All heavy atoms as atom14 arrays in JSON, in Angstrom:
{
  "sequence": "TPDLFARLDAAGIARHFVTLHVGAGTFLPVKGEDLSQHRMHAEFG",
  "atom14_mask": [
    [1, 1, 1, 1, 1, 1, 1, 0, 0, 0, 0, 0, 0, 0],
    [1, 1, 1, 1, 1, 1, 1, 0, 0, 0, 0, 0, 0, 0],
    [1, 1, 1, 1, 1, 1, 1, 1, 0, 0, 0, 0, 0, 0],
    [1, 1, 1, 1, 1, 1, 1, 1, 0, 0, 0, 0, 0, 0],
    [1, 1, 1, 1, 1, 1, 1, 1, 1, 1, 1, 0, 0, 0],
    [1, 1, 1, 1, 1, 0, 0, 0, 0, 0, 0, 0, 0, 0],
    [1, 1, 1, 1, 1, 1, 1, 1, 1, 1, 1, 0, 0, 0],
    [1, 1, 1, 1, 1, 1, 1, 1, 0, 0, 0, 0, 0, 0],
    [1, 1, 1, 1, 1, 1, 1, 1, 0, 0, 0, 0, 0, 0],
    [1, 1, 1, 1, 1, 0, 0, 0, 0, 0, 0, 0, 0, 0],
    [1, 1, 1, 1, 1, 0, 0, 0, 0, 0, 0, 0, 0, 0],
    [1, 1, 1, 1, 0, 0, 0, 0, 0, 0, 0, 0, 0, 0],
    [1, 1, 1, 1, 1, 1, 1, 1, 0, 0, 0, 0, 0, 0],
    [1, 1, 1, 1, 1, 0, 0, 0, 0, 0, 0, 0, 0, 0],
    [1, 1, 1, 1, 1, 1, 1, 1, 1, 1, 1, 0, 0, 0],
    [1, 1, 1, 1, 1, 1, 1, 1, 1, 1, 0, 0, 0, 0],
    [1, 1, 1, 1, 1, 1, 1, 1, 1, 1, 1, 0, 0, 0],
    [1, 1, 1, 1, 1, 1, 1, 0, 0, 0, 0, 0, 0, 0],
    [1, 1, 1, 1, 1, 1, 1, 0, 0, 0, 0, 0, 0, 0],
    [1, 1, 1, 1, 1, 1, 1, 1, 0, 0, 0, 0, 0, 0],
    [1, 1, 1, 1, 1, 1, 1, 1, 1, 1, 0, 0, 0, 0],
    [1, 1, 1, 1, 1, 1, 1, 0, 0, 0, 0, 0, 0, 0],
    [1, 1, 1, 1, 0, 0, 0, 0, 0, 0, 0, 0, 0, 0],
    [1, 1, 1, 1, 1, 0, 0, 0, 0, 0, 0, 0, 0, 0],
    [1, 1, 1, 1, 0, 0, 0, 0, 0, 0, 0, 0, 0, 0],
    [1, 1, 1, 1, 1, 1, 1, 0, 0, 0, 0, 0, 0, 0],
    [1, 1, 1, 1, 1, 1, 1, 1, 1, 1, 1, 0, 0, 0],
    [1, 1, 1, 1, 1, 1, 1, 1, 0, 0, 0, 0, 0, 0],
    [1, 1, 1, 1, 1, 1, 1, 0, 0, 0, 0, 0, 0, 0],
    [1, 1, 1, 1, 1, 1, 1, 0, 0, 0, 0, 0, 0, 0],
    [1, 1, 1, 1, 1, 1, 1, 1, 1, 0, 0, 0, 0, 0],
    [1, 1, 1, 1, 0, 0, 0, 0, 0, 0, 0, 0, 0, 0],
    [1, 1, 1, 1, 1, 1, 1, 1, 1, 0, 0, 0, 0, 0],
    [1, 1, 1, 1, 1, 1, 1, 1, 0, 0, 0, 0, 0, 0],
    [1, 1, 1, 1, 1, 1, 1, 1, 0, 0, 0, 0, 0, 0],
    [1, 1, 1, 1, 1, 1, 0, 0, 0, 0, 0, 0, 0, 0],
    [1, 1, 1, 1, 1, 1, 1, 1, 1, 0, 0, 0, 0, 0],
    [1, 1, 1, 1, 1, 1, 1, 1, 1, 1, 0, 0, 0, 0],
    [1, 1, 1, 1, 1, 1, 1, 1, 1, 1, 1, 0, 0, 0],
    [1, 1, 1, 1, 1, 1, 1, 1, 0, 0, 0, 0, 0, 0],
    [1, 1, 1, 1, 1, 1, 1, 1, 1, 1, 0, 0, 0, 0],
    [1, 1, 1, 1, 1, 0, 0, 0, 0, 0, 0, 0, 0, 0],
    [1, 1, 1, 1, 1, 1, 1, 1, 1, 0, 0, 0, 0, 0],
    [1, 1, 1, 1, 1, 1, 1, 1, 1, 1, 1, 0, 0, 0],
    [1, 1, 1, 1, 0, 0, 0, 0, 0, 0, 0, 0, 0, 0]
  ],
  "atom14_positions": [
    [[0.86, -1.19, 0.0], [0.0, 0.0, 0.0], [0.9, 1.24, 0.0], [2.08, 1.16, 0.36], [-0.89, 0.03, 1.25], [-0.04, 0.14, 2.41], [-1.74, -1.23, 1.35], [0.0, 0.0, 0.0], [0.0, 0.0, 0.0], [0.0, 0.0, 0.0], [0.0, 0.0, 0.0], [0.0, 0.0, 0.0], [0.0, 0.0, 0.0], [0.0, 0.0, 0.0]],
    [[0.35, 2.41, -0.36], [1.15, 3.64, -0.26], [1.69, 3.87, 1.15], [2.83, 4.32, 1.32], [0.16, 4.72, -0.67], [-0.81, 4.02, -1.59], [-0.96, 2.66, -1.0], [0.0, 0.0, 0.0], [0.0, 0.0, 0.0], [0.0, 0.0, 0.0], [0.0, 0.0, 0.0], [0.0, 0.0, 0.0], [0.0, 0.0, 0.0], [0.0, 0.0, 0.0]],
    [[0.9, 3.56, 2.18], [1.37, 3.74, 3.55], [2.55, 2.84, 3.85], [3.54, 3.27, 4.47], [0.23, 3.46, 4.53], [0.69, 3.55, 5.98], [0.99, 4.67, 6.43], [0.77, 2.5, 6.65], [0.0, 0.0, 0.0], [0.0, 0.0, 0.0], [0.0, 0.0, 0.0], [0.0, 0.0, 0.0], [0.0, 0.0, 0.0], [0.0, 0.0, 0.0]],
    [[2.49, 1.58, 3.42], [3.61, 0.66, 3.66], [4.84, 1.13, 2.9], [5.97, 1.07, 3.43], [3.22, -0.76, 3.25], [4.29, -1.83, 3.45], [4.81, -1.85, 4.89], [3.75, -3.21, 3.06], [0.0, 0.0, 0.0], [0.0, 0.0, 0.0], [0.0, 0.0, 0.0], [0.0, 0.0, 0.0], [0.0, 0.0, 0.0], [0.0, 0.0, 0.0]],
    [[4.67, 1.6, 1.67], [5.81, 2.13, 0.92], [6.46, 3.3, 1.68], [7.69, 3.4, 1.76], [5.36, 2.59, -0.47], [5.43, 1.52, -1.53], [4.98, 1.79, -2.81], [5.94, 0.27, -1.26], [5.05, 0.82, -3.8], [6.0, -0.72, -2.23], [5.55, -0.44, -3.51], [0.0, 0.0, 0.0], [0.0, 0.0, 0.0], [0.0, 0.0, 0.0]],
    [[5.65, 4.19, 2.24], [6.19, 5.34, 2.97], [6.98, 4.89, 4.19], [8.06, 5.44, 4.51], [5.05, 6.27, 3.39], [0.0, 0.0, 0.0], [0.0, 0.0, 0.0], [0.0, 0.0, 0.0], [0.0, 0.0, 0.0], [0.0, 0.0, 0.0], [0.0, 0.0, 0.0], [0.0, 0.0, 0.0], [0.0, 0.0, 0.0], [0.0, 0.0, 0.0]],
    [[6.49, 3.88, 4.88], [7.19, 3.38, 6.07], [8.48, 2.65, 5.69], [9.48, 2.72, 6.41], [6.25, 2.49, 6.87], [5.09, 3.29, 7.49], [4.05, 2.41, 8.15], [4.66, 1.53, 9.13], [4.55, 0.21, 9.12], [3.83, -0.39, 8.18], [5.14, -0.51, 10.04], [0.0, 0.0, 0.0], [0.0, 0.0, 0.0], [0.0, 0.0, 0.0]],
    [[8.48, 1.96, 4.57], [9.71, 1.32, 4.09], [10.74, 2.38, 3.7], [11.94, 2.24, 4.0], [9.39, 0.41, 2.9], [8.64, -0.88, 3.23], [8.04, -1.49, 1.96], [9.56, -1.89, 3.92], [0.0, 0.0, 0.0], [0.0, 0.0, 0.0], [0.0, 0.0, 0.0], [0.0, 0.0, 0.0], [0.0, 0.0, 0.0], [0.0, 0.0, 0.0]],
    [[10.28, 3.44, 3.05], [11.18, 4.54, 2.69], [11.82, 5.14, 3.95], [13.03, 5.4, 3.99], [10.43, 5.64, 1.93], [10.01, 5.21, 0.54], [10.55, 4.21, 0.03], [9.13, 5.89, -0.05], [0.0, 0.0, 0.0], [0.0, 0.0, 0.0], [0.0, 0.0, 0.0], [0.0, 0.0, 0.0], [0.0, 0.0, 0.0], [0.0, 0.0, 0.0]],
    [[11.0, 5.38, 4.96], [11.49, 5.97, 6.2], [12.52, 5.08, 6.9], [13.4, 5.56, 7.61], [10.32, 6.27, 7.14], [0.0, 0.0, 0.0], [0.0, 0.0, 0.0], [0.0, 0.0, 0.0], [0.0, 0.0, 0.0], [0.0, 0.0, 0.0], [0.0, 0.0, 0.0], [0.0, 0.0, 0.0], [0.0, 0.0, 0.0], [0.0, 0.0, 0.0]],
    [[12.38, 3.76, 6.68], [13.31, 2.81, 7.29], [14.59, 2.63, 6.48], [15.46, 1.84, 6.88], [12.61, 1.46, 7.49], [0.0, 0.0, 0.0], [0.0, 0.0, 0.0], [0.0, 0.0, 0.0], [0.0, 0.0, 0.0], [0.0, 0.0, 0.0], [0.0, 0.0, 0.0], [0.0, 0.0, 0.0], [0.0, 0.0, 0.0], [0.0, 0.0, 0.0]],
    [[14.7, 3.33, 5.34], [15.91, 3.23, 4.53], [15.98, 1.98, 3.67], [17.07, 1.54, 3.29], [0.0, 0.0, 0.0], [0.0, 0.0, 0.0], [0.0, 0.0, 0.0], [0.0, 0.0, 0.0], [0.0, 0.0, 0.0], [0.0, 0.0, 0.0], [0.0, 0.0, 0.0], [0.0, 0.0, 0.0], [0.0, 0.0, 0.0], [0.0, 0.0, 0.0]],
    [[14.83, 1.43, 3.36], [14.77, 0.21, 2.53], [14.42, 0.61, 1.11], [13.4, 1.25, 0.87], [13.73, -0.77, 3.12], [14.16, -1.18, 4.53], [13.57, -1.99, 2.22], [13.04, -1.68, 5.38], [0.0, 0.0, 0.0], [0.0, 0.0, 0.0], [0.0, 0.0, 0.0], [0.0, 0.0, 0.0], [0.0, 0.0, 0.0], [0.0, 0.0, 0.0]],
    [[15.28, 0.25, 0.16], [15.15, 0.7, -1.22], [14.14, -0.15, -1.99], [13.89, -1.31, -1.65], [16.5, 0.66, -1.93], [0.0, 0.0, 0.0], [0.0, 0.0, 0.0], [0.0, 0.0, 0.0], [0.0, 0.0, 0.0], [0.0, 0.0, 0.0], [0.0, 0.0, 0.0], [0.0, 0.0, 0.0], [0.0, 0.0, 0.0], [0.0, 0.0, 0.0]],
    [[13.57, 0.46, -3.04], [12.68, -0.24, -3.96], [13.27, -0.22, -5.36], [13.7, 0.83, -5.85], [11.29, 0.42, -4.0], [10.54, 0.37, -2.72], [9.05, 0.64, -2.93], [8.75, 1.91, -3.56], [8.61, 3.05, -2.9], [8.8, 3.08, -1.6], [8.31, 4.16, -3.54], [0.0, 0.0, 0.0], [0.0, 0.0, 0.0], [0.0, 0.0, 0.0]],
    [[13.27, -1.38, -6.0], [13.71, -1.49, -7.39], [12.67, -2.33, -8.14], [12.0, -3.18, -7.56], [15.09, -2.14, -7.48], [16.15, -1.35, -6.77], [16.71, -0.21, -7.31], [16.74, -1.52, -5.56], [17.61, 0.28, -6.48], [17.65, -0.49, -5.4], [0.0, 0.0, 0.0], [0.0, 0.0, 0.0], [0.0, 0.0, 0.0], [0.0, 0.0, 0.0]],
    [[12.59, -2.09, -9.46], [11.55, -2.72, -10.26], [12.15, -3.44, -11.46], [13.05, -2.93, -12.14], [10.53, -1.67, -10.73], [9.79, -1.03, -9.6], [10.27, 0.13, -9.0], [8.63, -1.6, -9.1], [9.59, 0.71, -7.93], [7.95, -1.01, -8.04], [8.43, 0.14, -7.46], [0.0, 0.0, 0.0], [0.0, 0.0, 0.0], [0.0, 0.0, 0.0]],
    [[11.65, -4.63, -11.68], [11.94, -5.41, -12.89], [10.59, -5.73, -13.54], [9.54, -5.47, -12.95], [12.72, -6.69, -12.56], [14.09, -6.37, -11.97], [11.92, -7.59, -11.6], [0.0, 0.0, 0.0], [0.0, 0.0, 0.0], [0.0, 0.0, 0.0], [0.0, 0.0, 0.0], [0.0, 0.0, 0.0], [0.0, 0.0, 0.0], [0.0, 0.0, 0.0]],
    [[10.6, -6.29, -14.72], [9.35, -6.62, -15.41], [9.41, -8.05, -15.93], [10.31, -8.41, -16.69], [9.11, -5.68, -16.61], [9.13, -4.32, -16.17], [7.76, -5.98, -17.27], [0.0, 0.0, 0.0], [0.0, 0.0, 0.0], [0.0, 0.0, 0.0], [0.0, 0.0, 0.0], [0.0, 0.0, 0.0], [0.0, 0.0, 0.0], [0.0, 0.0, 0.0]],
    [[8.48, -8.87, -15.48], [8.28, -10.2, -16.07], [6.8, -10.37, -16.34], [5.98, -10.33, -15.42], [8.76, -11.31, -15.13], [8.65, -12.72, -15.75], [9.74, -12.94, -16.79], [8.72, -13.81, -14.68], [0.0, 0.0, 0.0], [0.0, 0.0, 0.0], [0.0, 0.0, 0.0], [0.0, 0.0, 0.0], [0.0, 0.0, 0.0], [0.0, 0.0, 0.0]],
    [[6.45, -10.52, -17.61], [5.04, -10.65, -17.99], [4.59, -12.09, -17.72], [4.92, -13.01, -18.46], [4.85, -10.28, -19.46], [5.09, -8.83, -19.74], [4.57, -7.83, -18.96], [5.8, -8.21, -20.72], [4.94, -6.65, -19.45], [5.69, -6.85, -20.49], [0.0, 0.0, 0.0], [0.0, 0.0, 0.0], [0.0, 0.0, 0.0], [0.0, 0.0, 0.0]],
    [[3.83, -12.24, -16.65], [3.42, -13.57, -16.21], [2.42, -14.14, -17.21], [1.42, -13.5, -17.55], [2.77, -13.49, -14.81], [2.57, -14.9, -14.25], [3.62, -12.64, -13.87], [0.0, 0.0, 0.0], [0.0, 0.0, 0.0], [0.0, 0.0, 0.0], [0.0, 0.0, 0.0], [0.0, 0.0, 0.0], [0.0, 0.0, 0.0], [0.0, 0.0, 0.0]],
    [[2.68, -15.36, -17.67], [1.83, -15.98, -18.68], [0.82, -16.95, -18.09], [0.89, -17.32, -16.91], [0.0, 0.0, 0.0], [0.0, 0.0, 0.0], [0.0, 0.0, 0.0], [0.0, 0.0, 0.0], [0.0, 0.0, 0.0], [0.0, 0.0, 0.0], [0.0, 0.0, 0.0], [0.0, 0.0, 0.0], [0.0, 0.0, 0.0], [0.0, 0.0, 0.0]],
    [[-0.12, -17.37, -18.91], [-1.15, -18.31, -18.46], [-0.56, -19.67, -18.13], [-1.21, -20.49, -17.46], [-2.23, -18.46, -19.53], [0.0, 0.0, 0.0], [0.0, 0.0, 0.0], [0.0, 0.0, 0.0], [0.0, 0.0, 0.0], [0.0, 0.0, 0.0], [0.0, 0.0, 0.0], [0.0, 0.0, 0.0], [0.0, 0.0, 0.0], [0.0, 0.0, 0.0]],
    [[0.63, -19.94, -18.57], [1.29, -21.19, -18.24], [1.48, -21.38, -16.75], [1.66, -22.49, -16.27], [0.0, 0.0, 0.0], [0.0, 0.0, 0.0], [0.0, 0.0, 0.0], [0.0, 0.0, 0.0], [0.0, 0.0, 0.0], [0.0, 0.0, 0.0], [0.0, 0.0, 0.0], [0.0, 0.0, 0.0], [0.0, 0.0, 0.0], [0.0, 0.0, 0.0]],
    [[1.42, -20.26, -15.99], [1.56, -20.35, -14.54], [0.42, -21.16, -13.93], [0.55, -21.69, -12.83], [1.62, -18.94, -13.92], [2.04, -19.05, -12.56], [0.27, -18.25, -13.96], [0.0, 0.0, 0.0], [0.0, 0.0, 0.0], [0.0, 0.0, 0.0], [0.0, 0.0, 0.0], [0.0, 0.0, 0.0], [0.0, 0.0, 0.0], [0.0, 0.0, 0.0]],
    [[-0.73, -21.26, -14.62], [-1.88, -22.02, -14.1], [-1.84, -23.49, -14.52], [-2.66, -24.28, -14.06], [-3.18, -21.41, -14.61], [-3.42, -20.0, -14.17], [-3.91, -19.06, -15.04], [-3.15, -19.61, -12.87], [-4.15, -17.75, -14.65], [-3.36, -18.3, -12.45], [-3.86, -17.37, -13.35], [0.0, 0.0, 0.0], [0.0, 0.0, 0.0], [0.0, 0.0, 0.0]],
    [[-0.92, -23.85, -15.42], [-0.93, -25.21, -15.93], [-0.33, -26.18, -14.91], [0.7, -25.89, -14.3], [-0.14, -25.29, -17.24], [-0.7, -24.48, -18.41], [0.19, -24.66, -19.64], [-2.13, -24.89, -18.72], [0.0, 0.0, 0.0], [0.0, 0.0, 0.0], [0.0, 0.0, 0.0], [0.0, 0.0, 0.0], [0.0, 0.0, 0.0], [0.0, 0.0, 0.0]],
    [[-0.94, -27.34, -14.73], [-0.39, -28.31, -13.78], [0.86, -28.97, -14.34], [1.11, -28.97, -15.55], [-1.54, -29.33, -13.66], [-2.25, -29.25, -14.98], [-2.17, -27.81, -15.39], [0.0, 0.0, 0.0], [0.0, 0.0, 0.0], [0.0, 0.0, 0.0], [0.0, 0.0, 0.0], [0.0, 0.0, 0.0], [0.0, 0.0, 0.0], [0.0, 0.0, 0.0]],
    [[1.66, -29.5, -13.43], [2.83, -30.28, -13.84], [2.33, -31.67, -14.21], [1.7, -32.35, -13.41], [3.85, -30.38, -12.69], [5.05, -31.22, -13.13], [4.3, -28.98, -12.28], [0.0, 0.0, 0.0], [0.0, 0.0, 0.0], [0.0, 0.0, 0.0], [0.0, 0.0, 0.0], [0.0, 0.0, 0.0], [0.0, 0.0, 0.0], [0.0, 0.0, 0.0]],
    [[2.59, -32.07, -15.44], [2.11, -33.37, -15.92], [3.13, -34.46, -15.6], [4.33, -34.25, -15.71], [1.85, -33.3, -17.42], [0.74, -32.31, -17.8], [0.52, -32.27, -19.31], [-0.59, -31.31, -19.68], [-0.81, -31.22, -21.14], [0.0, 0.0, 0.0], [0.0, 0.0, 0.0], [0.0, 0.0, 0.0], [0.0, 0.0, 0.0], [0.0, 0.0, 0.0]],
    [[2.61, -35.62, -15.24], [3.5, -36.74, -14.95], [4.11, -36.61, -13.57], [3.81, -35.71, -12.79], [0.0, 0.0, 0.0], [0.0, 0.0, 0.0], [0.0, 0.0, 0.0], [0.0, 0.0, 0.0], [0.0, 0.0, 0.0], [0.0, 0.0, 0.0], [0.0, 0.0, 0.0], [0.0, 0.0, 0.0], [0.0, 0.0, 0.0], [0.0, 0.0, 0.0]],
    [[5.02, -37.51, -13.26], [5.66, -37.56, -11.95], [7.12, -37.13, -11.98], [7.69, -36.74, -10.97], [5.57, -38.98, -11.39], [4.31, -39.24, -10.59], [4.3, -38.43, -9.28], [5.27, -38.51, -8.5], [3.33, -37.7, -9.06], [0.0, 0.0, 0.0], [0.0, 0.0, 0.0], [0.0, 0.0, 0.0], [0.0, 0.0, 0.0], [0.0, 0.0, 0.0]],
    [[7.75, -37.18, -13.14], [9.18, -36.91, -13.26], [9.41, -35.42, -13.51], [9.02, -34.88, -14.54], [9.75, -37.74, -14.42], [11.27, -37.67, -14.49], [11.86, -36.8, -13.81], [11.86, -38.46, -15.23], [0.0, 0.0, 0.0], [0.0, 0.0, 0.0], [0.0, 0.0, 0.0], [0.0, 0.0, 0.0], [0.0, 0.0, 0.0], [0.0, 0.0, 0.0]],
    [[10.04, -34.74, -12.55], [10.27, -33.3, -12.68], [11.12, -32.98, -13.9], [10.95, -31.92, -14.52], [10.97, -32.75, -11.44], [10.25, -32.87, -10.1], [11.0, -32.08, -9.04], [8.82, -32.39, -10.19], [0.0, 0.0, 0.0], [0.0, 0.0, 0.0], [0.0, 0.0, 0.0], [0.0, 0.0, 0.0], [0.0, 0.0, 0.0], [0.0, 0.0, 0.0]],
    [[12.02, -33.86, -14.26], [12.94, -33.57, -15.37], [12.21, -33.5, -16.71], [12.75, -32.97, -17.68], [14.04, -34.63, -15.44], [13.5, -35.9, -15.78], [0.0, 0.0, 0.0], [0.0, 0.0, 0.0], [0.0, 0.0, 0.0], [0.0, 0.0, 0.0], [0.0, 0.0, 0.0], [0.0, 0.0, 0.0], [0.0, 0.0, 0.0], [0.0, 0.0, 0.0]],
    [[10.99, -34.01, -16.77], [10.24, -34.0, -18.01], [9.38, -32.75, -18.19], [8.84, -32.52, -19.27], [9.32, -35.24, -18.09], [10.06, -36.56, -18.01], [11.08, -36.71, -19.13], [10.76, -36.5, -20.29], [12.31, -37.08, -18.77], [0.0, 0.0, 0.0], [0.0, 0.0, 0.0], [0.0, 0.0, 0.0], [0.0, 0.0, 0.0], [0.0, 0.0, 0.0]],
    [[9.27, -31.93, -17.13], [8.41, -30.74, -17.22], [9.13, -29.61, -17.94], [10.31, -29.36, -17.72], [8.0, -30.28, -15.83], [7.07, -29.1, -15.85], [5.77, -29.19, -16.3], [7.25, -27.8, -15.51], [5.19, -28.01, -16.21], [6.07, -27.14, -15.75], [0.0, 0.0, 0.0], [0.0, 0.0, 0.0], [0.0, 0.0, 0.0], [0.0, 0.0, 0.0]],
    [[8.4, -28.9, -18.79], [8.94, -27.74, -19.51], [8.09, -26.52, -19.18], [6.88, -26.52, -19.39], [8.94, -27.99, -21.02], [9.88, -29.11, -21.45], [11.34, -28.73, -21.21], [12.25, -29.83, -21.56], [12.7, -30.73, -20.69], [12.31, -30.66, -19.41], [13.51, -31.68, -21.06], [0.0, 0.0, 0.0], [0.0, 0.0, 0.0], [0.0, 0.0, 0.0]],
    [[8.74, -25.49, -18.68], [8.04, -24.25, -18.34], [7.72, -23.48, -19.62], [8.49, -23.49, -20.58], [8.93, -23.38, -17.45], [9.26, -23.99, -16.11], [7.92, -23.89, -14.92], [7.99, -22.15, -14.47], [0.0, 0.0, 0.0], [0.0, 0.0, 0.0], [0.0, 0.0, 0.0], [0.0, 0.0, 0.0], [0.0, 0.0, 0.0], [0.0, 0.0, 0.0]],
    [[6.58, -22.76, -19.62], [6.29, -21.84, -20.72], [7.18, -20.61, -20.58], [7.41, -20.11, -19.47], [4.82, -21.42, -20.7], [3.91, -22.39, -21.38], [3.55, -23.59, -20.8], [3.32, -22.36, -22.6], [2.75, -24.25, -21.62], [2.6, -23.54, -22.72], [0.0, 0.0, 0.0], [0.0, 0.0, 0.0], [0.0, 0.0, 0.0], [0.0, 0.0, 0.0]],
    [[7.69, -20.14, -21.69], [8.57, -18.97, -21.68], [7.78, -17.7, -21.39], [6.64, -17.54, -21.83], [9.29, -18.84, -23.02], [0.0, 0.0, 0.0], [0.0, 0.0, 0.0], [0.0, 0.0, 0.0], [0.0, 0.0, 0.0], [0.0, 0.0, 0.0], [0.0, 0.0, 0.0], [0.0, 0.0, 0.0], [0.0, 0.0, 0.0], [0.0, 0.0, 0.0]],
    [[8.39, -16.8, -20.63], [7.81, -15.5, -20.3], [8.87, -14.43, -20.56], [10.06, -14.65, -20.31], [7.36, -15.47, -18.84], [6.26, -16.48, -18.54], [6.07, -16.72, -17.04], [7.1, -16.79, -16.33], [4.92, -16.83, -16.6], [0.0, 0.0, 0.0], [0.0, 0.0, 0.0], [0.0, 0.0, 0.0], [0.0, 0.0, 0.0], [0.0, 0.0, 0.0]],
    [[8.43, -13.27, -21.04], [9.38, -12.21, -21.39], [9.65, -11.33, -20.18], [8.72, -10.9, -19.48], [8.83, -11.35, -22.53], [9.83, -10.33, -23.02], [10.87, -10.7, -23.86], [9.74, -9.01, -22.61], [11.8, -9.77, -24.29], [10.66, -8.07, -23.04], [11.7, -8.44, -23.88], [0.0, 0.0, 0.0], [0.0, 0.0, 0.0], [0.0, 0.0, 0.0]],
    [[10.94, -11.05, -19.96], [11.31, -10.23, -18.81], [12.39, -9.22, -19.14], [13.14, -9.39, -20.1], [0.0, 0.0, 0.0], [0.0, 0.0, 0.0], [0.0, 0.0, 0.0], [0.0, 0.0, 0.0], [0.0, 0.0, 0.0], [0.0, 0.0, 0.0], [0.0, 0.0, 0.0], [0.0, 0.0, 0.0], [0.0, 0.0, 0.0], [0.0, 0.0, 0.0]]
  ]
}
């Protein structure tokens, strides 16, 4: 919230921003049992 941001600023805690466009692949279940077989959907950052 704006209030929390103000309190973080007062405490000397910095804010930095990056961008990662979260894709619908985040909702997809992991198929199968073997983790090595799972492939993540690419997202631009």
